[in-house]
Amino acid sequence: MFWAGINSLDRTELVFIENGTLTGHRYITEVLIPYAQPALTALGENSIFMDDNARAHRSGGVDAYMLEVGIRRLDWPARSPDLNPIEHVWDVLKRRVRSVQTAPQTIRELKNVITAEWERIPQ
């Protein structure tokens, strides 16, 4: 599993979520603090964070953390279609990874291909 953030001006690094399930605590420590929060800060005080209704994204700990640090979040209805624009980027990334000449044979090779293709997607 991996995570990344996009906006009209920039994007974050691709973050690989390894060694188990993404929990609310891991989401805070491995995604929000090192990647999302700096990206939002760079966008300015009127920035709004868009994620989805994934269980880890909506845990009580995550909600409390976002409130504590002032991250404003776009509200999603409970049973809404996933309209997050990053879904289009994931589609592009998947197509690029599937089209590489030599298919990755190991997890490390797959991560390298995914990372390289992520960096090749034009802003």
PDB file of N, CA and C in Angstrom:
ATOM      1  N   MET A   1       0.845  -1.156   0.000  1.00  0.00           N
ATOM      2  CA  MET A   1       0.000   0.000   0.000  1.00  0.00           C
ATOM      3  C   MET A   1       0.901   1.233   0.000  1.00  0.00           C
ATOM      4  N   PHE A   2       0.405   2.286  -0.622  1.00  0.00           N
ATOM      5  CA  PHE A   2       1.161   3.527  -0.577  1.00  0.00           C
ATOM      6  C   PHE A   2       0.217   4.708  -0.523  1.00  0.00           C
ATOM      7  N   TRP A   3       0.775   5.862  -0.176  1.00  0.00           N
ATOM      8  CA  TRP A   3       0.026   7.103  -0.025  1.00  0.00           C
ATOM      9  C   TRP A   3       0.820   8.199  -0.695  1.00  0.00           C
ATOM     10  N   ALA A   4       0.090   9.177  -1.231  1.00  0.00           N
ATOM     11  CA  ALA A   4       0.717  10.395  -1.746  1.00  0.00           C
ATOM     12  C   ALA A   4      -0.325  11.497  -1.729  1.00  0.00           C
ATOM     13  N   GLY A   5       0.154  12.704  -1.769  1.00  0.00           N
ATOM     14  CA  GLY A   5      -0.726  13.859  -1.825  1.00  0.00           C
ATOM     15  C   GLY A   5      -0.438  14.672  -3.063  1.00  0.00           C
ATOM     16  N   ILE A   6      -1.497  15.268  -3.606  1.00  0.00           N
ATOM     17  CA  ILE A   6      -1.365  16.131  -4.779  1.00  0.00           C
ATOM     18  C   ILE A   6      -2.112  17.431  -4.533  1.00  0.00           C
ATOM     19  N   ASN A   7      -1.700  18.464  -5.239  1.00  0.00           N
ATOM     20  CA  ASN A   7      -2.459  19.700  -5.338  1.00  0.00           C
ATOM     21  C   ASN A   7      -2.127  20.304  -6.690  1.00  0.00           C
ATOM     22  N   SER A   8      -2.674  21.437  -6.991  1.00  0.00           N
ATOM     23  CA  SER A   8      -2.485  22.004  -8.331  1.00  0.00           C
ATOM     24  C   SER A   8      -1.054  22.471  -8.590  1.00  0.00           C
ATOM     25  N   LEU A   9      -0.259  22.645  -7.555  1.00  0.00           N
ATOM     26  CA  LEU A   9       1.096  23.160  -7.706  1.00  0.00           C
ATOM     27  C   LEU A   9       2.197  22.136  -7.500  1.00  0.00           C
ATOM     28  N   ASP A  10       1.898  21.062  -6.774  1.00  0.00           N
ATOM     29  CA  ASP A  10       2.960  20.169  -6.333  1.00  0.00           C
ATOM     30  C   ASP A  10       2.389  18.812  -5.971  1.00  0.00           C
ATOM     31  N   ARG A  11       3.264  17.945  -5.522  1.00  0.00           N
ATOM     32  CA  ARG A  11       2.864  16.641  -4.985  1.00  0.00           C
ATOM     33  C   ARG A  11       3.880  16.221  -3.935  1.00  0.00           C
ATOM     34  N   THR A  12       3.454  15.283  -3.098  1.00  0.00           N
ATOM     35  CA  THR A  12       4.358  14.777  -2.068  1.00  0.00           C
ATOM     36  C   THR A  12       5.147  13.604  -2.633  1.00  0.00           C
ATOM     37  N   GLU A  13       6.086  13.161  -1.830  1.00  0.00           N
ATOM     38  CA  GLU A  13       6.745  11.891  -2.126  1.00  0.00           C
ATOM     39  C   GLU A  13       5.702  10.788  -2.054  1.00  0.00           C
ATOM     40  N   LEU A  14       6.010   9.701  -2.690  1.00  0.00           N
ATOM     41  CA  LEU A  14       5.207   8.500  -2.563  1.00  0.00           C
ATOM     42  C   LEU A  14       5.646   7.805  -1.276  1.00  0.00           C
ATOM     43  N   VAL A  15       4.696   7.507  -0.402  1.00  0.00           N
ATOM     44  CA  VAL A  15       4.989   6.907   0.895  1.00  0.00           C
ATOM     45  C   VAL A  15       4.491   5.469   0.887  1.00  0.00           C
ATOM     46  N   PHE A  16       5.388   4.522   1.078  1.00  0.00           N
ATOM     47  CA  PHE A  16       5.001   3.119   1.138  1.00  0.00           C
ATOM     48  C   PHE A  16       4.612   2.765   2.561  1.00  0.00           C
ATOM     49  N   ILE A  17       3.472   2.148   2.710  1.00  0.00           N
ATOM     50  CA  ILE A  17       2.992   1.693   4.013  1.00  0.00           C
ATOM     51  C   ILE A  17       3.304   0.206   4.091  1.00  0.00           C
ATOM     52  N   GLU A  18       4.288  -0.127   4.902  1.00  0.00           N
ATOM     53  CA  GLU A  18       4.767  -1.505   4.963  1.00  0.00           C
ATOM     54  C   GLU A  18       4.556  -2.092   6.351  1.00  0.00           C
ATOM     55  N   ASN A  19       4.745  -3.390   6.428  1.00  0.00           N
ATOM     56  CA  ASN A  19       4.727  -4.103   7.708  1.00  0.00           C
ATOM     57  C   ASN A  19       3.397  -4.010   8.438  1.00  0.00           C
ATOM     58  N   GLY A  20       2.345  -4.348   7.748  1.00  0.00           N
ATOM     59  CA  GLY A  20       1.052  -4.449   8.423  1.00  0.00           C
ATOM     60  C   GLY A  20       0.042  -3.411   7.984  1.00  0.00           C
ATOM     61  N   THR A  21      -1.038  -3.404   8.695  1.00  0.00           N
ATOM     62  CA  THR A  21      -2.191  -2.567   8.399  1.00  0.00           C
ATOM     63  C   THR A  21      -1.934  -1.113   8.758  1.00  0.00           C
ATOM     64  N   LEU A  22      -2.507  -0.228   7.971  1.00  0.00           N
ATOM     65  CA  LEU A  22      -2.444   1.195   8.290  1.00  0.00           C
ATOM     66  C   LEU A  22      -3.496   1.488   9.346  1.00  0.00           C
ATOM     67  N   THR A  23      -3.055   1.816  10.525  1.00  0.00           N
ATOM     68  CA  THR A  23      -3.950   2.202  11.622  1.00  0.00           C
ATOM     69  C   THR A  23      -4.011   3.720  11.695  1.00  0.00           C
ATOM     70  N   GLY A  24      -4.918   4.219  12.519  1.00  0.00           N
ATOM     71  CA  GLY A  24      -4.981   5.665  12.717  1.00  0.00           C
ATOM     72  C   GLY A  24      -3.675   6.221  13.242  1.00  0.00           C
ATOM     73  N   HIS A  25      -3.084   5.518  14.202  1.00  0.00           N
ATOM     74  CA  HIS A  25      -1.805   5.974  14.768  1.00  0.00           C
ATOM     75  C   HIS A  25      -0.718   6.007  13.700  1.00  0.00           C
ATOM     76  N   ARG A  26      -0.634   4.949  12.898  1.00  0.00           N
ATOM     77  CA  ARG A  26       0.377   4.919  11.835  1.00  0.00           C
ATOM     78  C   ARG A  26       0.101   6.006  10.799  1.00  0.00           C
ATOM     79  N   TYR A  27      -1.159   6.261  10.506  1.00  0.00           N
ATOM     80  CA  TYR A  27      -1.517   7.314   9.554  1.00  0.00           C
ATOM     81  C   TYR A  27      -0.997   8.667  10.044  1.00  0.00           C
ATOM     82  N   ILE A  28      -1.155   8.915  11.323  1.00  0.00           N
ATOM     83  CA  ILE A  28      -0.658  10.173  11.896  1.00  0.00           C
ATOM     84  C   ILE A  28       0.864  10.238  11.810  1.00  0.00           C
ATOM     85  N   THR A  29       1.539   9.190  12.285  1.00  0.00           N
ATOM     86  CA  THR A  29       3.000   9.244  12.420  1.00  0.00           C
ATOM     87  C   THR A  29       3.753   9.019  11.117  1.00  0.00           C
ATOM     88  N   GLU A  30       3.174   8.252  10.188  1.00  0.00           N
ATOM     89  CA  GLU A  30       3.892   7.928   8.956  1.00  0.00           C
ATOM     90  C   GLU A  30       3.437   8.740   7.743  1.00  0.00           C
ATOM     91  N   VAL A  31       2.269   9.390   7.852  1.00  0.00           N
ATOM     92  CA  VAL A  31       1.753  10.134   6.706  1.00  0.00           C
ATOM     93  C   VAL A  31       1.479  11.593   7.056  1.00  0.00           C
ATOM     94  N   LEU A  32       0.609  11.817   8.021  1.00  0.00           N
ATOM     95  CA  LEU A  32       0.185  13.187   8.300  1.00  0.00           C
ATOM     96  C   LEU A  32       1.322  14.082   8.774  1.00  0.00           C
ATOM     97  N   ILE A  33       2.048  13.649   9.790  1.00  0.00           N
ATOM     98  CA  ILE A  33       3.110  14.505  10.345  1.00  0.00           C
ATOM     99  C   ILE A  33       4.240  14.741   9.338  1.00  0.00           C
ATOM    100  N   PRO A  34       4.808  13.685   8.728  1.00  0.00           N
ATOM    101  CA  PRO A  34       5.962  13.952   7.859  1.00  0.00           C
ATOM    102  C   PRO A  34       5.621  14.454   6.452  1.00  0.00           C
ATOM    103  N   TYR A  35       4.419  14.198   5.948  1.00  0.00           N
ATOM    104  CA  TYR A  35       4.139  14.530   4.543  1.00  0.00           C
ATOM    105  C   TYR A  35       2.945  15.465   4.355  1.00  0.00           C
ATOM    106  N   ALA A  36       1.799  15.101   4.889  1.00  0.00           N
ATOM    107  CA  ALA A  36       0.601  15.898   4.640  1.00  0.00           C
ATOM    108  C   ALA A  36       0.655  17.263   5.306  1.00  0.00           C
ATOM    109  N   GLN A  37       1.033  17.280   6.562  1.00  0.00           N
ATOM    110  CA  GLN A  37       1.054  18.552   7.279  1.00  0.00           C
ATOM    111  C   GLN A  37       2.017  19.562   6.648  1.00  0.00           C
ATOM    112  N   PRO A  38       3.256  19.191   6.302  1.00  0.00           N
ATOM    113  CA  PRO A  38       4.124  20.165   5.627  1.00  0.00           C
ATOM    114  C   PRO A  38       3.559  20.640   4.283  1.00  0.00           C
ATOM    115  N   ALA A  39       2.928  19.741   3.546  1.00  0.00           N
ATOM    116  CA  ALA A  39       2.344  20.130   2.254  1.00  0.00           C
ATOM    117  C   ALA A  39       1.206  21.127   2.465  1.00  0.00           C
ATOM    118  N   LEU A  40       0.379  20.882   3.457  1.00  0.00           N
ATOM    119  CA  LEU A  40      -0.722  21.803   3.750  1.00  0.00           C
ATOM    120  C   LEU A  40      -0.207  23.150   4.231  1.00  0.00           C
ATOM    121  N   THR A  41       0.823  23.134   5.047  1.00  0.00           N
ATOM    122  CA  THR A  41       1.426  24.378   5.530  1.00  0.00           C
ATOM    123  C   THR A  41       1.950  25.205   4.357  1.00  0.00           C
ATOM    124  N   ALA A  42       2.571  24.539   3.400  1.00  0.00           N
ATOM    125  CA  ALA A  42       3.102  25.237   2.226  1.00  0.00           C
ATOM    126  C   ALA A  42       1.986  25.868   1.393  1.00  0.00           C
ATOM    127  N   LEU A  43       0.803  25.281   1.416  1.00  0.00           N
ATOM    128  CA  LEU A  43      -0.326  25.818   0.651  1.00  0.00           C
ATOM    129  C   LEU A  43      -0.956  27.040   1.317  1.00  0.00           C
ATOM    130  N   GLY A  44      -0.743  27.187   2.602  1.00  0.00           N
ATOM    131  CA  GLY A  44      -1.276  28.349   3.297  1.00  0.00           C
ATOM    132  C   GLY A  44      -2.431  28.001   4.219  1.00  0.00           C
ATOM    133  N   GLU A  45      -2.839  29.006   4.977  1.00  0.00           N
ATOM    134  CA  GLU A  45      -3.823  28.779   6.037  1.00  0.00           C
ATOM    135  C   GLU A  45      -5.218  28.413   5.537  1.00  0.00           C
ATOM    136  N   ASN A  46      -5.529  28.665   4.300  1.00  0.00           N
ATOM    137  CA  ASN A  46      -6.853  28.330   3.774  1.00  0.00           C
ATOM    138  C   ASN A  46      -6.912  26.954   3.124  1.00  0.00           C
ATOM    139  N   SER A  47      -5.853  26.168   3.258  1.00  0.00           N
ATOM    140  CA  SER A  47      -5.837  24.850   2.624  1.00  0.00           C
ATOM    141  C   SER A  47      -6.815  23.911   3.320  1.00  0.00           C
ATOM    142  N   ILE A  48      -7.355  22.999   2.533  1.00  0.00           N
ATOM    143  CA  ILE A  48      -8.285  21.989   3.032  1.00  0.00           C
ATOM    144  C   ILE A  48      -7.765  20.636   2.592  1.00  0.00           C
ATOM    145  N   PHE A  49      -7.710  19.712   3.526  1.00  0.00           N
ATOM    146  CA  PHE A  49      -7.193  18.369   3.273  1.00  0.00           C
ATOM    147  C   PHE A  49      -8.328  17.468   2.793  1.00  0.00           C
ATOM    148  N   MET A  50      -8.070  16.746   1.719  1.00  0.00           N
ATOM    149  CA  MET A  50      -9.055  15.808   1.194  1.00  0.00           C
ATOM    150  C   MET A  50      -8.480  14.403   1.291  1.00  0.00           C
ATOM    151  N   ASP A  51      -9.138  13.578   2.063  1.00  0.00           N
ATOM    152  CA  ASP A  51      -8.807  12.163   2.078  1.00  0.00           C
ATOM    153  C   ASP A  51     -10.104  11.421   1.773  1.00  0.00           C
ATOM    154  N   ASP A  52     -10.241  10.209   2.231  1.00  0.00           N
ATOM    155  CA  ASP A  52     -11.496   9.501   1.988  1.00  0.00           C
ATOM    156  C   ASP A  52     -11.985   8.893   3.293  1.00  0.00           C
ATOM    157  N   ASN A  53     -12.952   8.027   3.203  1.00  0.00           N
ATOM    158  CA  ASN A  53     -13.541   7.453   4.409  1.00  0.00           C
ATOM    159  C   ASN A  53     -12.875   6.145   4.839  1.00  0.00           C
ATOM    160  N   ALA A  54     -11.627   5.939   4.457  1.00  0.00           N
ATOM    161  CA  ALA A  54     -10.919   4.747   4.913  1.00  0.00           C
ATOM    162  C   ALA A  54     -10.881   4.750   6.441  1.00  0.00           C
ATOM    163  N   ARG A  55     -10.985   3.573   7.012  1.00  0.00           N
ATOM    164  CA  ARG A  55     -11.070   3.450   8.472  1.00  0.00           C
ATOM    165  C   ARG A  55      -9.924   4.173   9.182  1.00  0.00           C
ATOM    166  N   ALA A  56      -8.712   3.998   8.707  1.00  0.00           N
ATOM    167  CA  ALA A  56      -7.566   4.656   9.367  1.00  0.00           C
ATOM    168  C   ALA A  56      -7.650   6.173   9.277  1.00  0.00           C
ATOM    169  N   HIS A  57      -8.209   6.688   8.199  1.00  0.00           N
ATOM    170  CA  HIS A  57      -8.309   8.137   8.012  1.00  0.00           C
ATOM    171  C   HIS A  57      -9.350   8.758   8.940  1.00  0.00           C
ATOM    172  N   ARG A  58     -10.311   7.966   9.369  1.00  0.00           N
ATOM    173  CA  ARG A  58     -11.434   8.502  10.144  1.00  0.00           C
ATOM    174  C   ARG A  58     -11.458   8.053  11.595  1.00  0.00           C
ATOM    175  N   SER A  59     -10.357   7.562  12.091  1.00  0.00           N
ATOM    176  CA  SER A  59     -10.331   7.126  13.490  1.00  0.00           C
ATOM    177  C   SER A  59     -10.435   8.334  14.417  1.00  0.00           C
ATOM    178  N   GLY A  60     -10.867   8.071  15.645  1.00  0.00           N
ATOM    179  CA  GLY A  60     -10.987   9.154  16.624  1.00  0.00           C
ATOM    180  C   GLY A  60      -9.665   9.841  16.886  1.00  0.00           C
ATOM    181  N   GLY A  61      -8.575   9.064  16.910  1.00  0.00           N
ATOM    182  CA  GLY A  61      -7.261   9.649  17.131  1.00  0.00           C
ATOM    183  C   GLY A  61      -6.853  10.590  16.014  1.00  0.00           C
ATOM    184  N   VAL A  62      -7.168  10.209  14.784  1.00  0.00           N
ATOM    185  CA  VAL A  62      -6.854  11.062  13.633  1.00  0.00           C
ATOM    186  C   VAL A  62      -7.688  12.335  13.694  1.00  0.00           C
ATOM    187  N   ASP A  63      -8.974  12.197  13.986  1.00  0.00           N
ATOM    188  CA  ASP A  63      -9.836  13.379  14.102  1.00  0.00           C
ATOM    189  C   ASP A  63      -9.311  14.333  15.175  1.00  0.00           C
ATOM    190  N   ALA A  64      -8.922  13.775  16.319  1.00  0.00           N
ATOM    191  CA  ALA A  64      -8.404  14.606  17.417  1.00  0.00           C
ATOM    192  C   ALA A  64      -7.097  15.285  17.014  1.00  0.00           C
ATOM    193  N   TYR A  65      -6.214  14.544  16.347  1.00  0.00           N
ATOM    194  CA  TYR A  65      -4.938  15.118  15.918  1.00  0.00           C
ATOM    195  C   TYR A  65      -5.171  16.273  14.941  1.00  0.00           C
ATOM    196  N   MET A  66      -6.036  16.054  13.962  1.00  0.00           N
ATOM    197  CA  MET A  66      -6.290  17.102  12.963  1.00  0.00           C
ATOM    198  C   MET A  66      -6.885  18.343  13.611  1.00  0.00           C
ATOM    199  N   LEU A  67      -7.780  18.154  14.549  1.00  0.00           N
ATOM    200  CA  LEU A  67      -8.357  19.282  15.265  1.00  0.00           C
ATOM    201  C   LEU A  67      -7.280  20.013  16.065  1.00  0.00           C
ATOM    202  N   GLU A  68      -6.428  19.247  16.728  1.00  0.00           N
ATOM    203  CA  GLU A  68      -5.361  19.822  17.563  1.00  0.00           C
ATOM    204  C   GLU A  68      -4.387  20.675  16.759  1.00  0.00           C
ATOM    205  N   VAL A  69      -4.012  20.208  15.557  1.00  0.00           N
ATOM    206  CA  VAL A  69      -3.014  20.936  14.771  1.00  0.00           C
ATOM    207  C   VAL A  69      -3.640  21.866  13.732  1.00  0.00           C
ATOM    208  N   GLY A  70      -4.964  21.882  13.662  1.00  0.00           N
ATOM    209  CA  GLY A  70      -5.651  22.823  12.776  1.00  0.00           C
ATOM    210  C   GLY A  70      -5.721  22.409  11.320  1.00  0.00           C
ATOM    211  N   ILE A  71      -5.709  21.101  11.056  1.00  0.00           N
ATOM    212  CA  ILE A  71      -5.888  20.647   9.675  1.00  0.00           C
ATOM    213  C   ILE A  71      -7.383  20.614   9.376  1.00  0.00           C
ATOM    214  N   ARG A  72      -7.784  21.441   8.401  1.00  0.00           N
ATOM    215  CA  ARG A  72      -9.193  21.440   7.979  1.00  0.00           C
ATOM    216  C   ARG A  72      -9.387  20.345   6.944  1.00  0.00           C
ATOM    217  N   ARG A  73     -10.445  19.584   7.104  1.00  0.00           N
ATOM    218  CA  ARG A  73     -10.697  18.424   6.251  1.00  0.00           C
ATOM    219  C   ARG A  73     -12.009  18.606   5.483  1.00  0.00           C
ATOM    220  N   LEU A  74     -11.986  18.207   4.225  1.00  0.00           N
ATOM    221  CA  LEU A  74     -13.200  18.200   3.419  1.00  0.00           C
ATOM    222  C   LEU A  74     -14.100  17.082   3.925  1.00  0.00           C
ATOM    223  N   ASP A  75     -15.339  17.393   4.225  1.00  0.00           N
ATOM    224  CA  ASP A  75     -16.275  16.376   4.701  1.00  0.00           C
ATOM    225  C   ASP A  75     -16.737  15.491   3.549  1.00  0.00           C
ATOM    226  N   TRP A  76     -16.831  14.204   3.837  1.00  0.00           N
ATOM    227  CA  TRP A  76     -17.334  13.225   2.879  1.00  0.00           C
ATOM    228  C   TRP A  76     -18.588  12.588   3.453  1.00  0.00           C
ATOM    229  N   PRO A  77     -19.621  12.423   2.645  1.00  0.00           N
ATOM    230  CA  PRO A  77     -20.772  11.639   3.113  1.00  0.00           C
ATOM    231  C   PRO A  77     -20.327  10.194   3.358  1.00  0.00           C
ATOM    232  N   ALA A  78     -21.009   9.507   4.268  1.00  0.00           N
ATOM    233  CA  ALA A  78     -20.599   8.160   4.671  1.00  0.00           C
ATOM    234  C   ALA A  78     -20.545   7.170   3.516  1.00  0.00           C
ATOM    235  N   ARG A  79     -21.475   7.219   2.603  1.00  0.00           N
ATOM    236  CA  ARG A  79     -21.525   6.242   1.519  1.00  0.00           C
ATOM    237  C   ARG A  79     -21.388   6.924   0.148  1.00  0.00           C
ATOM    238  N   SER A  80     -20.417   7.770   0.039  1.00  0.00           N
ATOM    239  CA  SER A  80     -20.248   8.528  -1.200  1.00  0.00           C
ATOM    240  C   SER A  80     -19.320   7.804  -2.158  1.00  0.00           C
ATOM    241  N   PRO A  81     -19.472   8.081  -3.457  1.00  0.00           N
ATOM    242  CA  PRO A  81     -18.465   7.566  -4.395  1.00  0.00           C
ATOM    243  C   PRO A  81     -17.144   8.286  -4.128  1.00  0.00           C
ATOM    244  N   ASP A  82     -16.061   7.648  -4.488  1.00  0.00           N
ATOM    245  CA  ASP A  82     -14.754   8.255  -4.251  1.00  0.00           C
ATOM    246  C   ASP A  82     -14.473   9.251  -5.365  1.00  0.00           C
ATOM    247  N   LEU A  83     -14.666  10.517  -5.076  1.00  0.00           N
ATOM    248  CA  LEU A  83     -14.487  11.581  -6.062  1.00  0.00           C
ATOM    249  C   LEU A  83     -13.165  12.317  -5.903  1.00  0.00           C
ATOM    250  N   ASN A  84     -12.276  11.774  -5.117  1.00  0.00           N
ATOM    251  CA  ASN A  84     -10.982  12.406  -4.887  1.00  0.00           C
ATOM    252  C   ASN A  84     -10.182  12.419  -6.196  1.00  0.00           C
ATOM    253  N   PRO A  85      -9.693  13.581  -6.614  1.00  0.00           N
ATOM    254  CA  PRO A  85      -8.934  13.666  -7.870  1.00  0.00           C
ATOM    255  C   PRO A  85      -7.707  12.768  -7.925  1.00  0.00           C
ATOM    256  N   ILE A  86      -7.166  12.371  -6.784  1.00  0.00           N
ATOM    257  CA  ILE A  86      -5.981  11.518  -6.825  1.00  0.00           C
ATOM    258  C   ILE A  86      -6.309  10.152  -7.422  1.00  0.00           C
ATOM    259  N   GLU A  87      -7.571   9.766  -7.445  1.00  0.00           N
ATOM    260  CA  GLU A  87      -7.938   8.483  -8.055  1.00  0.00           C
ATOM    261  C   GLU A  87      -7.526   8.453  -9.530  1.00  0.00           C
ATOM    262  N   HIS A  88      -7.606   9.587 -10.204  1.00  0.00           N
ATOM    263  CA  HIS A  88      -7.168   9.661 -11.611  1.00  0.00           C
ATOM    264  C   HIS A  88      -5.651   9.478 -11.709  1.00  0.00           C
ATOM    265  N   VAL A  89      -4.934  10.028 -10.743  1.00  0.00           N
ATOM    266  CA  VAL A  89      -3.485   9.886 -10.735  1.00  0.00           C
ATOM    267  C   VAL A  89      -3.102   8.433 -10.464  1.00  0.00           C
ATOM    268  N   TRP A  90      -3.818   7.777  -9.537  1.00  0.00           N
ATOM    269  CA  TRP A  90      -3.536   6.355  -9.278  1.00  0.00           C
ATOM    270  C   TRP A  90      -3.758   5.533 -10.544  1.00  0.00           C
ATOM    271  N   ASP A  91      -4.785   5.876 -11.305  1.00  0.00           N
ATOM    272  CA  ASP A  91      -5.044   5.161 -12.558  1.00  0.00           C
ATOM    273  C   ASP A  91      -3.876   5.331 -13.531  1.00  0.00           C
ATOM    274  N   VAL A  92      -3.393   6.557 -13.673  1.00  0.00           N
ATOM    275  CA  VAL A  92      -2.244   6.814 -14.545  1.00  0.00           C
ATOM    276  C   VAL A  92      -1.033   6.017 -14.062  1.00  0.00           C
ATOM    277  N   LEU A  93      -0.787   6.040 -12.761  1.00  0.00           N
ATOM    278  CA  LEU A  93       0.360   5.324 -12.207  1.00  0.00           C
ATOM    279  C   LEU A  93       0.252   3.826 -12.469  1.00  0.00           C
ATOM    280  N   LYS A  94      -0.922   3.245 -12.248  1.00  0.00           N
ATOM    281  CA  LYS A  94      -1.109   1.811 -12.494  1.00  0.00           C
ATOM    282  C   LYS A  94      -0.846   1.465 -13.952  1.00  0.00           C
ATOM    283  N   ARG A  95      -1.342   2.287 -14.860  1.00  0.00           N
ATOM    284  CA  ARG A  95      -1.120   2.028 -16.286  1.00  0.00           C
ATOM    285  C   ARG A  95       0.366   2.097 -16.634  1.00  0.00           C
ATOM    286  N   ARG A  96       1.059   3.065 -16.072  1.00  0.00           N
ATOM    287  CA  ARG A  96       2.493   3.200 -16.340  1.00  0.00           C
ATOM    288  C   ARG A  96       3.275   2.007 -15.791  1.00  0.00           C
ATOM    289  N   VAL A  97       2.934   1.578 -14.587  1.00  0.00           N
ATOM    290  CA  VAL A  97       3.646   0.447 -13.974  1.00  0.00           C
ATOM    291  C   VAL A  97       3.394  -0.827 -14.777  1.00  0.00           C
ATOM    292  N   ARG A  98       2.161  -1.024 -15.228  1.00  0.00           N
ATOM    293  CA  ARG A  98       1.838  -2.226 -16.008  1.00  0.00           C
ATOM    294  C   ARG A  98       2.511  -2.239 -17.374  1.00  0.00           C
ATOM    295  N   SER A  99       2.905  -1.073 -17.858  1.00  0.00           N
ATOM    296  CA  SER A  99       3.477  -1.007 -19.208  1.00  0.00           C
ATOM    297  C   SER A  99       5.000  -1.048 -19.247  1.00  0.00           C
ATOM    298  N   VAL A 100       5.653  -1.218 -18.106  1.00  0.00           N
ATOM    299  CA  VAL A 100       7.116  -1.266 -18.135  1.00  0.00           C
ATOM    300  C   VAL A 100       7.576  -2.485 -18.929  1.00  0.00           C
ATOM    301  N   GLN A 101       8.728  -2.352 -19.580  1.00  0.00           N
ATOM    302  CA  GLN A 101       9.250  -3.402 -20.454  1.00  0.00           C
ATOM    303  C   GLN A 101       9.476  -4.724 -19.728  1.00  0.00           C
ATOM    304  N   THR A 102      10.149  -4.655 -18.595  1.00  0.00           N
ATOM    305  CA  THR A 102      10.461  -5.856 -17.832  1.00  0.00           C
ATOM    306  C   THR A 102       9.678  -5.815 -16.527  1.00  0.00           C
ATOM    307  N   ALA A 103       8.796  -6.783 -16.342  1.00  0.00           N
ATOM    308  CA  ALA A 103       7.970  -6.810 -15.142  1.00  0.00           C
ATOM    309  C   ALA A 103       8.845  -7.007 -13.903  1.00  0.00           C
ATOM    310  N   PRO A 104       8.567  -6.268 -12.845  1.00  0.00           N
ATOM    311  CA  PRO A 104       9.323  -6.442 -11.600  1.00  0.00           C
ATOM    312  C   PRO A 104       9.162  -7.865 -11.072  1.00  0.00           C
ATOM    313  N   GLN A 105      10.250  -8.409 -10.536  1.00  0.00           N
ATOM    314  CA  GLN A 105      10.239  -9.776 -10.030  1.00  0.00           C
ATOM    315  C   GLN A 105      10.225  -9.851  -8.506  1.00  0.00           C
ATOM    316  N   THR A 106      10.549  -8.754  -7.850  1.00  0.00           N
ATOM    317  CA  THR A 106      10.580  -8.731  -6.393  1.00  0.00           C
ATOM    318  C   THR A 106       9.815  -7.509  -5.904  1.00  0.00           C
ATOM    319  N   ILE A 107       9.509  -7.515  -4.616  1.00  0.00           N
ATOM    320  CA  ILE A 107       8.842  -6.351  -4.020  1.00  0.00           C
ATOM    321  C   ILE A 107       9.714  -5.110  -4.161  1.00  0.00           C
ATOM    322  N   ARG A 108      11.010  -5.250  -3.945  1.00  0.00           N
ATOM    323  CA  ARG A 108      11.929  -4.112  -4.083  1.00  0.00           C
ATOM    324  C   ARG A 108      11.897  -3.553  -5.504  1.00  0.00           C
ATOM    325  N   GLU A 109      11.935  -4.427  -6.496  1.00  0.00           N
ATOM    326  CA  GLU A 109      11.869  -3.980  -7.893  1.00  0.00           C
ATOM    327  C   GLU A 109      10.541  -3.283  -8.163  1.00  0.00           C
ATOM    328  N   LEU A 110       9.456  -3.838  -7.642  1.00  0.00           N
ATOM    329  CA  LEU A 110       8.142  -3.214  -7.835  1.00  0.00           C
ATOM    330  C   LEU A 110       8.114  -1.821  -7.210  1.00  0.00           C
ATOM    331  N   LYS A 111       8.635  -1.691  -5.994  1.00  0.00           N
ATOM    332  CA  LYS A 111       8.687  -0.379  -5.359  1.00  0.00           C
ATOM    333  C   LYS A 111       9.517   0.601  -6.180  1.00  0.00           C
ATOM    334  N   ASN A 112      10.627   0.143  -6.723  1.00  0.00           N
ATOM    335  CA  ASN A 112      11.476   1.008  -7.539  1.00  0.00           C
ATOM    336  C   ASN A 112      10.742   1.468  -8.796  1.00  0.00           C
ATOM    337  N   VAL A 113      10.025   0.550  -9.439  1.00  0.00           N
ATOM    338  CA  VAL A 113       9.275   0.905 -10.644  1.00  0.00           C
ATOM    339  C   VAL A 113       8.155   1.890 -10.302  1.00  0.00           C
ATOM    340  N   ILE A 114       7.420   1.605  -9.235  1.00  0.00           N
ATOM    341  CA  ILE A 114       6.331   2.501  -8.834  1.00  0.00           C
ATOM    342  C   ILE A 114       6.869   3.893  -8.539  1.00  0.00           C
ATOM    343  N   THR A 115       7.959   3.967  -7.801  1.00  0.00           N
ATOM    344  CA  THR A 115       8.558   5.258  -7.453  1.00  0.00           C
ATOM    345  C   THR A 115       9.033   6.000  -8.703  1.00  0.00           C
ATOM    346  N   ALA A 116       9.706   5.289  -9.592  1.00  0.00           N
ATOM    347  CA  ALA A 116      10.204   5.925 -10.817  1.00  0.00           C
ATOM    348  C   ALA A 116       9.046   6.442 -11.666  1.00  0.00           C
ATOM    349  N   GLU A 117       7.998   5.655 -11.786  1.00  0.00           N
ATOM    350  CA  GLU A 117       6.854   6.091 -12.592  1.00  0.00           C
ATOM    351  C   GLU A 117       6.106   7.242 -11.918  1.00  0.00           C
ATOM    352  N   TRP A 118       6.022   7.235 -10.603  1.00  0.00           N
ATOM    353  CA  TRP A 118       5.405   8.349  -9.875  1.00  0.00           C
ATOM    354  C   TRP A 118       6.142   9.644 -10.192  1.00  0.00           C
ATOM    355  N   GLU A 119       7.459   9.579 -10.201  1.00  0.00           N
ATOM    356  CA  GLU A 119       8.262  10.780 -10.453  1.00  0.00           C
ATOM    357  C   GLU A 119       8.181  11.229 -11.907  1.00  0.00           C
ATOM    358  N   ARG A 120       7.847  10.334 -12.811  1.00  0.00           N
ATOM    359  CA  ARG A 120       7.738  10.681 -14.228  1.00  0.00           C
ATOM    360  C   ARG A 120       6.399  11.283 -14.613  1.00  0.00           C
ATOM    361  N   ILE A 121       5.409  11.160 -13.778  1.00  0.00           N
ATOM    362  CA  ILE A 121       4.089  11.733 -14.102  1.00  0.00           C
ATOM    363  C   ILE A 121       4.216  13.246 -14.071  1.00  0.00           C
ATOM    364  N   PRO A 122       3.878  13.914 -15.163  1.00  0.00           N
ATOM    365  CA  PRO A 122       3.992  15.378 -15.167  1.00  0.00           C
ATOM    366  C   PRO A 122       2.985  16.035 -14.227  1.00  0.00           C
ATOM    367  N   GLN A 123       3.376  17.142 -13.653  1.00  0.00           N
ATOM    368  CA  GLN A 123       2.485  17.862 -12.730  1.00  0.00           C
ATOM    369  C   GLN A 123       1.252  18.317 -13.489  1.00  0.00           C
TER     370      GLN A 123
END
